[in-house]
Amino acid sequence: MTLTPHTTLMNRAQITGPNGSPEPAAAAAHGLGWVGAYVACLDRFLTIQQVNQEFDHRFGGPATQLCGKHFCDLVHPGVQQPLMRQFLRMLEGKRQRFVTEVIMVGQDHTASRLPLSAMAVRGGHIPDVEAILVSMPAAEKKAQDTVVMAPREQILSEIEARILEGIAAGVSTIPLASRLYLSRQGVEYHVTGLLRKLKVPNRAALVSRTYSMGVLKVGTWPPKVVEGFIK
């Protein structure tokens, strides 16, 4: 499954080039140095229409059909909301392209943090966005950027989730204990359990780790744990 300039959508689609003039989307994708990257073409509803071989190998598989899926189904739930806001601004014509970080979840249940580039694609003389090209670099640092975990694995109890949210918000032990109707020792007990479970040495590392795993929603305040992680 490859992206080629011969398909109807890619043939008629255009993007705005660096000098402000329209250029074919397929040619622009090659010109941006996307060779070897994970590339997908989405329609206005963010449904995957085409992918290149690299994207298919990483996020698809022998028993899957990527085309027809919503792109955000491949994105970790912890970062879906801010990514959707970026796409909506593009569809509303408020931006031509954007670059952000996403946590993508592959068929092997690994969650990888990757930079994502998106470009609005317009159909000939039609001013509306007809499609969106997305690209992510294929060179991943497995040891640092990849966490082997199902996107919605239930790893936290309800009380652990509330304590984690409090820690991420900067609430100290005594106010947190009062808020959750626990003793100070009870809060410390659960914090120690969280540190062991996530294999981190302190509270700061705990917050950083859970954000990197997508346990805490990105772009939300006060901090909120993704419901799928709660037992």
C-alpha atoms as a PDB file:
ATOM      1  CA  MET A   1       0.000   0.000   0.000  1.00  0.00           C
ATOM      2  CA  THR A   2       1.770   3.145  -1.195  1.00  0.00           C
ATOM      3  CA  LEU A   3       1.055   6.802  -1.752  1.00  0.00           C
ATOM      4  CA  THR A   4       1.386   7.589  -5.443  1.00  0.00           C
ATOM      5  CA  PRO A   5       0.528  10.616  -7.613  1.00  0.00           C
ATOM      6  CA  HIS A   6      -1.743   8.436  -9.755  1.00  0.00           C
ATOM      7  CA  THR A   7      -4.705   8.274  -7.416  1.00  0.00           C
ATOM      8  CA  THR A   8      -7.642  10.627  -8.029  1.00  0.00           C
ATOM      9  CA  LEU A   9      -7.355  12.449  -4.717  1.00  0.00           C
ATOM     10  CA  MET A  10      -3.611  13.000  -4.907  1.00  0.00           C
ATOM     11  CA  ASN A  11      -3.781  13.902  -8.583  1.00  0.00           C
ATOM     12  CA  ARG A  12      -6.120  16.841  -8.126  1.00  0.00           C
ATOM     13  CA  ALA A  13      -4.999  17.903  -4.655  1.00  0.00           C
ATOM     14  CA  GLN A  14      -2.768  20.913  -4.124  1.00  0.00           C
ATOM     15  CA  ILE A  15      -0.997  22.568  -1.246  1.00  0.00           C
ATOM     16  CA  THR A  16       0.484  26.014  -0.881  1.00  0.00           C
ATOM     17  CA  GLY A  17       4.208  25.895  -1.553  1.00  0.00           C
ATOM     18  CA  PRO A  18       6.927  27.892   0.252  1.00  0.00           C
ATOM     19  CA  ASN A  19       6.592  30.781  -2.229  1.00  0.00           C
ATOM     20  CA  GLY A  20       2.803  30.929  -1.822  1.00  0.00           C
ATOM     21  CA  SER A  21       1.990  29.252  -5.146  1.00  0.00           C
ATOM     22  CA  PRO A  22      -0.040  26.005  -5.396  1.00  0.00           C
ATOM     23  CA  GLU A  23       1.795  22.776  -6.143  1.00  0.00           C
ATOM     24  CA  PRO A  24       0.688  19.128  -6.486  1.00  0.00           C
ATOM     25  CA  ALA A  25       0.350  17.471  -3.077  1.00  0.00           C
ATOM     26  CA  ALA A  26       2.055  14.241  -4.108  1.00  0.00           C
ATOM     27  CA  ALA A  27       5.075  16.089  -5.489  1.00  0.00           C
ATOM     28  CA  ALA A  28       5.208  18.312  -2.418  1.00  0.00           C
ATOM     29  CA  ALA A  29       5.233  15.287  -0.130  1.00  0.00           C
ATOM     30  CA  HIS A  30       8.343  13.974  -1.901  1.00  0.00           C
ATOM     31  CA  GLY A  31       9.914  17.435  -1.874  1.00  0.00           C
ATOM     32  CA  LEU A  32       9.535  17.721   1.887  1.00  0.00           C
ATOM     33  CA  GLY A  33      11.910  14.813   2.412  1.00  0.00           C
ATOM     34  CA  TRP A  34       9.247  12.351   3.464  1.00  0.00           C
ATOM     35  CA  VAL A  35      11.056   9.414   1.907  1.00  0.00           C
ATOM     36  CA  GLY A  36      11.292   6.771   4.624  1.00  0.00           C
ATOM     37  CA  ALA A  37       8.751   8.562   6.822  1.00  0.00           C
ATOM     38  CA  TYR A  38       5.337   7.330   7.934  1.00  0.00           C
ATOM     39  CA  VAL A  39       2.960   9.135   5.549  1.00  0.00           C
ATOM     40  CA  ALA A  40      -0.840   9.033   5.382  1.00  0.00           C
ATOM     41  CA  CYS A  41      -3.482  10.941   3.454  1.00  0.00           C
ATOM     42  CA  LEU A  42      -6.697  11.741   5.378  1.00  0.00           C
ATOM     43  CA  ASP A  43     -10.009  13.058   4.110  1.00  0.00           C
ATOM     44  CA  ARG A  44     -11.933  15.953   5.684  1.00  0.00           C
ATOM     45  CA  PHE A  45     -13.334  13.591   8.293  1.00  0.00           C
ATOM     46  CA  LEU A  46      -9.804  12.474   9.264  1.00  0.00           C
ATOM     47  CA  THR A  47     -10.455   9.026   7.819  1.00  0.00           C
ATOM     48  CA  ILE A  48      -7.339   7.368   6.402  1.00  0.00           C
ATOM     49  CA  GLN A  49      -7.516   7.174   2.611  1.00  0.00           C
ATOM     50  CA  GLN A  50      -3.959   6.155   1.706  1.00  0.00           C
ATOM     51  CA  VAL A  51      -0.741   5.244   3.498  1.00  0.00           C
ATOM     52  CA  ASN A  52       2.774   4.476   2.361  1.00  0.00           C
ATOM     53  CA  GLN A  53       4.486   1.152   3.009  1.00  0.00           C
ATOM     54  CA  GLU A  54       6.347   2.419   6.082  1.00  0.00           C
ATOM     55  CA  PHE A  55       3.097   3.576   7.711  1.00  0.00           C
ATOM     56  CA  ASP A  56       1.374   0.298   6.876  1.00  0.00           C
ATOM     57  CA  HIS A  57       4.208  -1.803   8.306  1.00  0.00           C
ATOM     58  CA  ARG A  58       4.378   0.205  11.530  1.00  0.00           C
ATOM     59  CA  PHE A  59       0.702   0.825  12.303  1.00  0.00           C
ATOM     60  CA  GLY A  60      -1.066  -1.784  10.179  1.00  0.00           C
ATOM     61  CA  GLY A  61      -0.357  -5.437   9.721  1.00  0.00           C
ATOM     62  CA  PRO A  62      -1.372  -8.564   7.798  1.00  0.00           C
ATOM     63  CA  ALA A  63      -4.796  -8.774   9.443  1.00  0.00           C
ATOM     64  CA  THR A  64      -5.695  -5.059   9.387  1.00  0.00           C
ATOM     65  CA  GLN A  65      -7.068  -2.545   6.907  1.00  0.00           C
ATOM     66  CA  LEU A  66      -5.845   0.946   7.748  1.00  0.00           C
ATOM     67  CA  CYS A  67      -7.791   2.686   5.006  1.00  0.00           C
ATOM     68  CA  GLY A  68     -11.219   3.594   6.304  1.00  0.00           C
ATOM     69  CA  LYS A  69     -10.077   3.963   9.919  1.00  0.00           C
ATOM     70  CA  HIS A  70     -10.192   7.280  11.750  1.00  0.00           C
ATOM     71  CA  PHE A  71      -6.650   8.573  12.184  1.00  0.00           C
ATOM     72  CA  CYS A  72      -7.186   9.255  15.883  1.00  0.00           C
ATOM     73  CA  ASP A  73      -7.909   5.559  16.434  1.00  0.00           C
ATOM     74  CA  LEU A  74      -4.131   5.120  16.070  1.00  0.00           C
ATOM     75  CA  VAL A  75      -3.376   7.947  18.506  1.00  0.00           C
ATOM     76  CA  HIS A  76      -3.106   7.385  22.227  1.00  0.00           C
ATOM     77  CA  PRO A  77      -6.284   8.612  24.013  1.00  0.00           C
ATOM     78  CA  GLY A  78      -4.169  10.866  26.208  1.00  0.00           C
ATOM     79  CA  VAL A  79      -3.323  13.144  23.269  1.00  0.00           C
ATOM     80  CA  GLN A  80      -6.391  12.788  21.045  1.00  0.00           C
ATOM     81  CA  GLN A  81      -8.121  15.936  22.289  1.00  0.00           C
ATOM     82  CA  PRO A  82      -5.315  18.464  21.602  1.00  0.00           C
ATOM     83  CA  LEU A  83      -4.594  16.814  18.239  1.00  0.00           C
ATOM     84  CA  MET A  84      -8.239  17.112  17.220  1.00  0.00           C
ATOM     85  CA  ARG A  85      -8.140  20.833  18.068  1.00  0.00           C
ATOM     86  CA  GLN A  86      -5.177  21.267  15.712  1.00  0.00           C
ATOM     87  CA  PHE A  87      -6.964  19.434  12.898  1.00  0.00           C
ATOM     88  CA  LEU A  88     -10.162  21.450  13.405  1.00  0.00           C
ATOM     89  CA  ARG A  89      -8.278  24.737  13.140  1.00  0.00           C
ATOM     90  CA  MET A  90      -6.807  23.496   9.851  1.00  0.00           C
ATOM     91  CA  LEU A  91     -10.211  22.440   8.507  1.00  0.00           C
ATOM     92  CA  GLU A  92     -11.595  25.852   9.464  1.00  0.00           C
ATOM     93  CA  GLY A  93      -8.917  27.471   7.305  1.00  0.00           C
ATOM     94  CA  LYS A  94      -7.064  29.044  10.248  1.00  0.00           C
ATOM     95  CA  ARG A  95      -3.773  27.356   9.388  1.00  0.00           C
ATOM     96  CA  GLN A  96      -2.157  25.674   6.400  1.00  0.00           C
ATOM     97  CA  ARG A  97       0.089  23.311   8.324  1.00  0.00           C
ATOM     98  CA  PHE A  98       1.185  22.459  11.838  1.00  0.00           C
ATOM     99  CA  VAL A  99       3.816  20.428  13.680  1.00  0.00           C
ATOM    100  CA  THR A 100       3.142  18.750  17.003  1.00  0.00           C
ATOM    101  CA  GLU A 101       4.030  15.679  19.060  1.00  0.00           C
ATOM    102  CA  VAL A 102       1.750  12.666  19.237  1.00  0.00           C
ATOM    103  CA  ILE A 103       1.770   9.277  20.909  1.00  0.00           C
ATOM    104  CA  MET A 104       1.013   6.678  18.258  1.00  0.00           C
ATOM    105  CA  VAL A 105      -0.035   3.150  19.177  1.00  0.00           C
ATOM    106  CA  GLY A 106       1.065   0.345  16.850  1.00  0.00           C
ATOM    107  CA  GLN A 107      -0.367  -3.102  16.272  1.00  0.00           C
ATOM    108  CA  ASP A 108       2.282  -4.525  18.614  1.00  0.00           C
ATOM    109  CA  HIS A 109       0.820  -2.434  21.454  1.00  0.00           C
ATOM    110  CA  THR A 110       3.817  -0.107  21.641  1.00  0.00           C
ATOM    111  CA  ALA A 111       3.131   3.561  22.291  1.00  0.00           C
ATOM    112  CA  SER A 112       5.693   5.773  20.521  1.00  0.00           C
ATOM    113  CA  ARG A 113       6.108   9.529  20.970  1.00  0.00           C
ATOM    114  CA  LEU A 114       6.743  11.023  17.518  1.00  0.00           C
ATOM    115  CA  PRO A 115       6.769  14.494  15.917  1.00  0.00           C
ATOM    116  CA  LEU A 116       3.883  14.831  13.455  1.00  0.00           C
ATOM    117  CA  SER A 117       3.695  17.238  10.515  1.00  0.00           C
ATOM    118  CA  ALA A 118       0.343  17.966   8.869  1.00  0.00           C
ATOM    119  CA  MET A 119      -0.448  19.919   5.678  1.00  0.00           C
ATOM    120  CA  ALA A 120      -3.804  21.024   4.313  1.00  0.00           C
ATOM    121  CA  VAL A 121      -4.554  19.715   0.832  1.00  0.00           C
ATOM    122  CA  ARG A 122      -6.896  21.665  -1.457  1.00  0.00           C
ATOM    123  CA  GLY A 123      -8.612  20.364  -4.560  1.00  0.00           C
ATOM    124  CA  GLY A 124      -7.699  22.474  -7.592  1.00  0.00           C
ATOM    125  CA  HIS A 125      -9.599  25.778  -7.515  1.00  0.00           C
ATOM    126  CA  ILE A 126     -11.722  24.752  -4.526  1.00  0.00           C
ATOM    127  CA  PRO A 127     -10.620  26.830  -1.510  1.00  0.00           C
ATOM    128  CA  ASP A 128     -11.841  24.334   1.094  1.00  0.00           C
ATOM    129  CA  VAL A 129      -9.517  21.734   2.581  1.00  0.00           C
ATOM    130  CA  GLU A 130     -10.107  18.498   0.683  1.00  0.00           C
ATOM    131  CA  ALA A 131      -7.626  16.308   2.529  1.00  0.00           C
ATOM    132  CA  ILE A 132      -4.744  16.387   5.013  1.00  0.00           C
ATOM    133  CA  LEU A 133      -1.299  14.889   4.559  1.00  0.00           C
ATOM    134  CA  VAL A 134       0.380  13.732   7.758  1.00  0.00           C
ATOM    135  CA  SER A 135       3.961  12.565   8.192  1.00  0.00           C
ATOM    136  CA  MET A 136       6.067  11.252  11.048  1.00  0.00           C
ATOM    137  CA  PRO A 137       9.772  10.339  10.925  1.00  0.00           C
ATOM    138  CA  ALA A 138      10.310   6.595  10.787  1.00  0.00           C
ATOM    139  CA  ALA A 139      13.609   6.679  12.704  1.00  0.00           C
ATOM    140  CA  GLU A 140      12.445   5.924  16.253  1.00  0.00           C
ATOM    141  CA  LYS A 141      14.590   5.752  19.381  1.00  0.00           C
ATOM    142  CA  LYS A 142      13.063   2.592  20.760  1.00  0.00           C
ATOM    143  CA  ALA A 143      14.762   2.691  24.127  1.00  0.00           C
ATOM    144  CA  GLN A 144      13.691   6.250  24.924  1.00  0.00           C
ATOM    145  CA  ASP A 145      10.499   6.929  22.977  1.00  0.00           C
ATOM    146  CA  THR A 146       8.691   3.588  22.958  1.00  0.00           C
ATOM    147  CA  VAL A 147       6.709   2.096  25.810  1.00  0.00           C
ATOM    148  CA  VAL A 148       5.379  -1.438  25.463  1.00  0.00           C
ATOM    149  CA  MET A 149       1.855  -1.043  26.748  1.00  0.00           C
ATOM    150  CA  ALA A 150      -1.653  -1.381  25.435  1.00  0.00           C
ATOM    151  CA  PRO A 151      -3.237   2.059  25.004  1.00  0.00           C
ATOM    152  CA  ARG A 152      -6.017   1.430  27.512  1.00  0.00           C
ATOM    153  CA  GLU A 153      -4.436  -1.027  29.934  1.00  0.00           C
ATOM    154  CA  GLN A 154      -6.093  -0.670  33.338  1.00  0.00           C
ATOM    155  CA  ILE A 155      -3.156  -0.079  35.659  1.00  0.00           C
ATOM    156  CA  LEU A 156      -4.562   2.323  38.273  1.00  0.00           C
ATOM    157  CA  SER A 157      -7.186   2.012  40.963  1.00  0.00           C
ATOM    158  CA  GLU A 158      -9.664   4.882  41.356  1.00  0.00           C
ATOM    159  CA  ILE A 159      -7.838   6.266  44.400  1.00  0.00           C
ATOM    160  CA  GLU A 160      -4.442   5.971  42.672  1.00  0.00           C
ATOM    161  CA  ALA A 161      -5.810   7.951  39.729  1.00  0.00           C
ATOM    162  CA  ARG A 162      -7.063  10.749  41.985  1.00  0.00           C
ATOM    163  CA  ILE A 163      -3.742  10.858  43.863  1.00  0.00           C
ATOM    164  CA  LEU A 164      -1.811  10.986  40.584  1.00  0.00           C
ATOM    165  CA  GLU A 165      -3.984  13.884  39.385  1.00  0.00           C
ATOM    166  CA  GLY A 166      -3.310  15.728  42.649  1.00  0.00           C
ATOM    167  CA  ILE A 167       0.449  15.189  42.423  1.00  0.00           C
ATOM    168  CA  ALA A 168       0.458  16.383  38.795  1.00  0.00           C
ATOM    169  CA  ALA A 169      -1.424  19.510  39.894  1.00  0.00           C
ATOM    170  CA  GLY A 170       1.206  20.237  42.553  1.00  0.00           C
ATOM    171  CA  VAL A 171      -0.998  19.458  45.563  1.00  0.00           C
ATOM    172  CA  SER A 172       1.048  18.506  48.621  1.00  0.00           C
ATOM    173  CA  THR A 173       0.356  15.494  50.830  1.00  0.00           C
ATOM    174  CA  ILE A 174      -1.756  17.070  53.613  1.00  0.00           C
ATOM    175  CA  PRO A 175      -4.209  18.978  51.347  1.00  0.00           C
ATOM    176  CA  LEU A 176      -4.428  15.906  49.105  1.00  0.00           C
ATOM    177  CA  ALA A 177      -5.224  13.712  52.109  1.00  0.00           C
ATOM    178  CA  SER A 178      -7.955  16.123  53.195  1.00  0.00           C
ATOM    179  CA  ARG A 179      -9.433  16.268  49.693  1.00  0.00           C
ATOM    180  CA  LEU A 180      -9.569  12.468  49.365  1.00  0.00           C
ATOM    181  CA  TYR A 181     -10.593  11.771  52.993  1.00  0.00           C
ATOM    182  CA  LEU A 182      -7.396   9.852  53.654  1.00  0.00           C
ATOM    183  CA  SER A 183      -4.760  10.071  56.341  1.00  0.00           C
ATOM    184  CA  ARG A 184      -1.354  11.487  55.487  1.00  0.00           C
ATOM    185  CA  GLN A 185       0.069   7.996  55.865  1.00  0.00           C
ATOM    186  CA  GLY A 186      -2.607   6.662  53.500  1.00  0.00           C
ATOM    187  CA  VAL A 187      -1.585   9.105  50.769  1.00  0.00           C
ATOM    188  CA  GLU A 188       2.085   8.293  51.241  1.00  0.00           C
ATOM    189  CA  TYR A 189       1.277   4.572  51.043  1.00  0.00           C
ATOM    190  CA  HIS A 190      -0.445   4.994  47.672  1.00  0.00           C
ATOM    191  CA  VAL A 191       2.296   7.295  46.370  1.00  0.00           C
ATOM    192  CA  THR A 192       4.916   4.681  47.258  1.00  0.00           C
ATOM    193  CA  GLY A 193       2.854   2.083  45.425  1.00  0.00           C
ATOM    194  CA  LEU A 194       2.659   4.298  42.333  1.00  0.00           C
ATOM    195  CA  LEU A 195       6.418   4.859  42.350  1.00  0.00           C
ATOM    196  CA  ARG A 196       7.014   1.110  42.484  1.00  0.00           C
ATOM    197  CA  LYS A 197       4.400   0.316  39.854  1.00  0.00           C
ATOM    198  CA  LEU A 198       5.782   2.846  37.358  1.00  0.00           C
ATOM    199  CA  LYS A 199       9.403   2.162  38.379  1.00  0.00           C
ATOM    200  CA  VAL A 200      10.333   5.793  39.038  1.00  0.00           C
ATOM    201  CA  PRO A 201      12.319   7.303  41.948  1.00  0.00           C
ATOM    202  CA  ASN A 202      10.215  10.350  42.908  1.00  0.00           C
ATOM    203  CA  ARG A 203       7.007  12.325  42.307  1.00  0.00           C
ATOM    204  CA  ALA A 204       8.443  14.508  39.543  1.00  0.00           C
ATOM    205  CA  ALA A 205       9.536  11.425  37.613  1.00  0.00           C
ATOM    206  CA  LEU A 206       6.123   9.863  38.250  1.00  0.00           C
ATOM    207  CA  VAL A 207       4.340  12.793  36.589  1.00  0.00           C
ATOM    208  CA  SER A 208       6.789  12.840  33.690  1.00  0.00           C
ATOM    209  CA  ARG A 209       6.480   9.091  33.191  1.00  0.00           C
ATOM    210  CA  THR A 210       2.682   9.059  33.192  1.00  0.00           C
ATOM    211  CA  TYR A 211       2.503  11.954  30.726  1.00  0.00           C
ATOM    212  CA  SER A 212       4.944  10.145  28.413  1.00  0.00           C
ATOM    213  CA  MET A 213       2.778   6.998  28.610  1.00  0.00           C
ATOM    214  CA  GLY A 214      -0.381   8.970  27.903  1.00  0.00           C
ATOM    215  CA  VAL A 215      -1.925   8.093  31.275  1.00  0.00           C
ATOM    216  CA  LEU A 216      -2.462  11.807  31.945  1.00  0.00           C
ATOM    217  CA  LYS A 217      -4.293  13.763  29.264  1.00  0.00           C
ATOM    218  CA  VAL A 218      -2.169  16.298  27.408  1.00  0.00           C
ATOM    219  CA  GLY A 219      -3.467  19.885  27.159  1.00  0.00           C
ATOM    220  CA  THR A 220      -5.904  19.545  30.095  1.00  0.00           C
ATOM    221  CA  TRP A 221      -5.914  21.475  33.376  1.00  0.00           C
ATOM    222  CA  PRO A 222      -6.335  20.440  36.083  1.00  0.00           C
ATOM    223  CA  PRO A 223      -4.559  17.175  35.200  1.00  0.00           C
ATOM    224  CA  LYS A 224      -6.882  14.290  34.378  1.00  0.00           C
ATOM    225  CA  VAL A 225      -6.173  10.561  34.060  1.00  0.00           C
ATOM    226  CA  VAL A 226      -7.489   8.889  30.887  1.00  0.00           C
ATOM    227  CA  GLU A 227     -10.473   6.787  32.014  1.00  0.00           C
ATOM    228  CA  GLY A 228      -9.261   3.710  30.149  1.00  0.00           C
ATOM    229  CA  PHE A 229      -6.338   3.372  32.569  1.00  0.00           C
ATOM    230  CA  ILE A 230      -8.566   3.103  35.638  1.00  0.00           C
ATOM    231  CA  LYS A 231      -9.708  -0.308  36.878  1.00  0.00           C
END
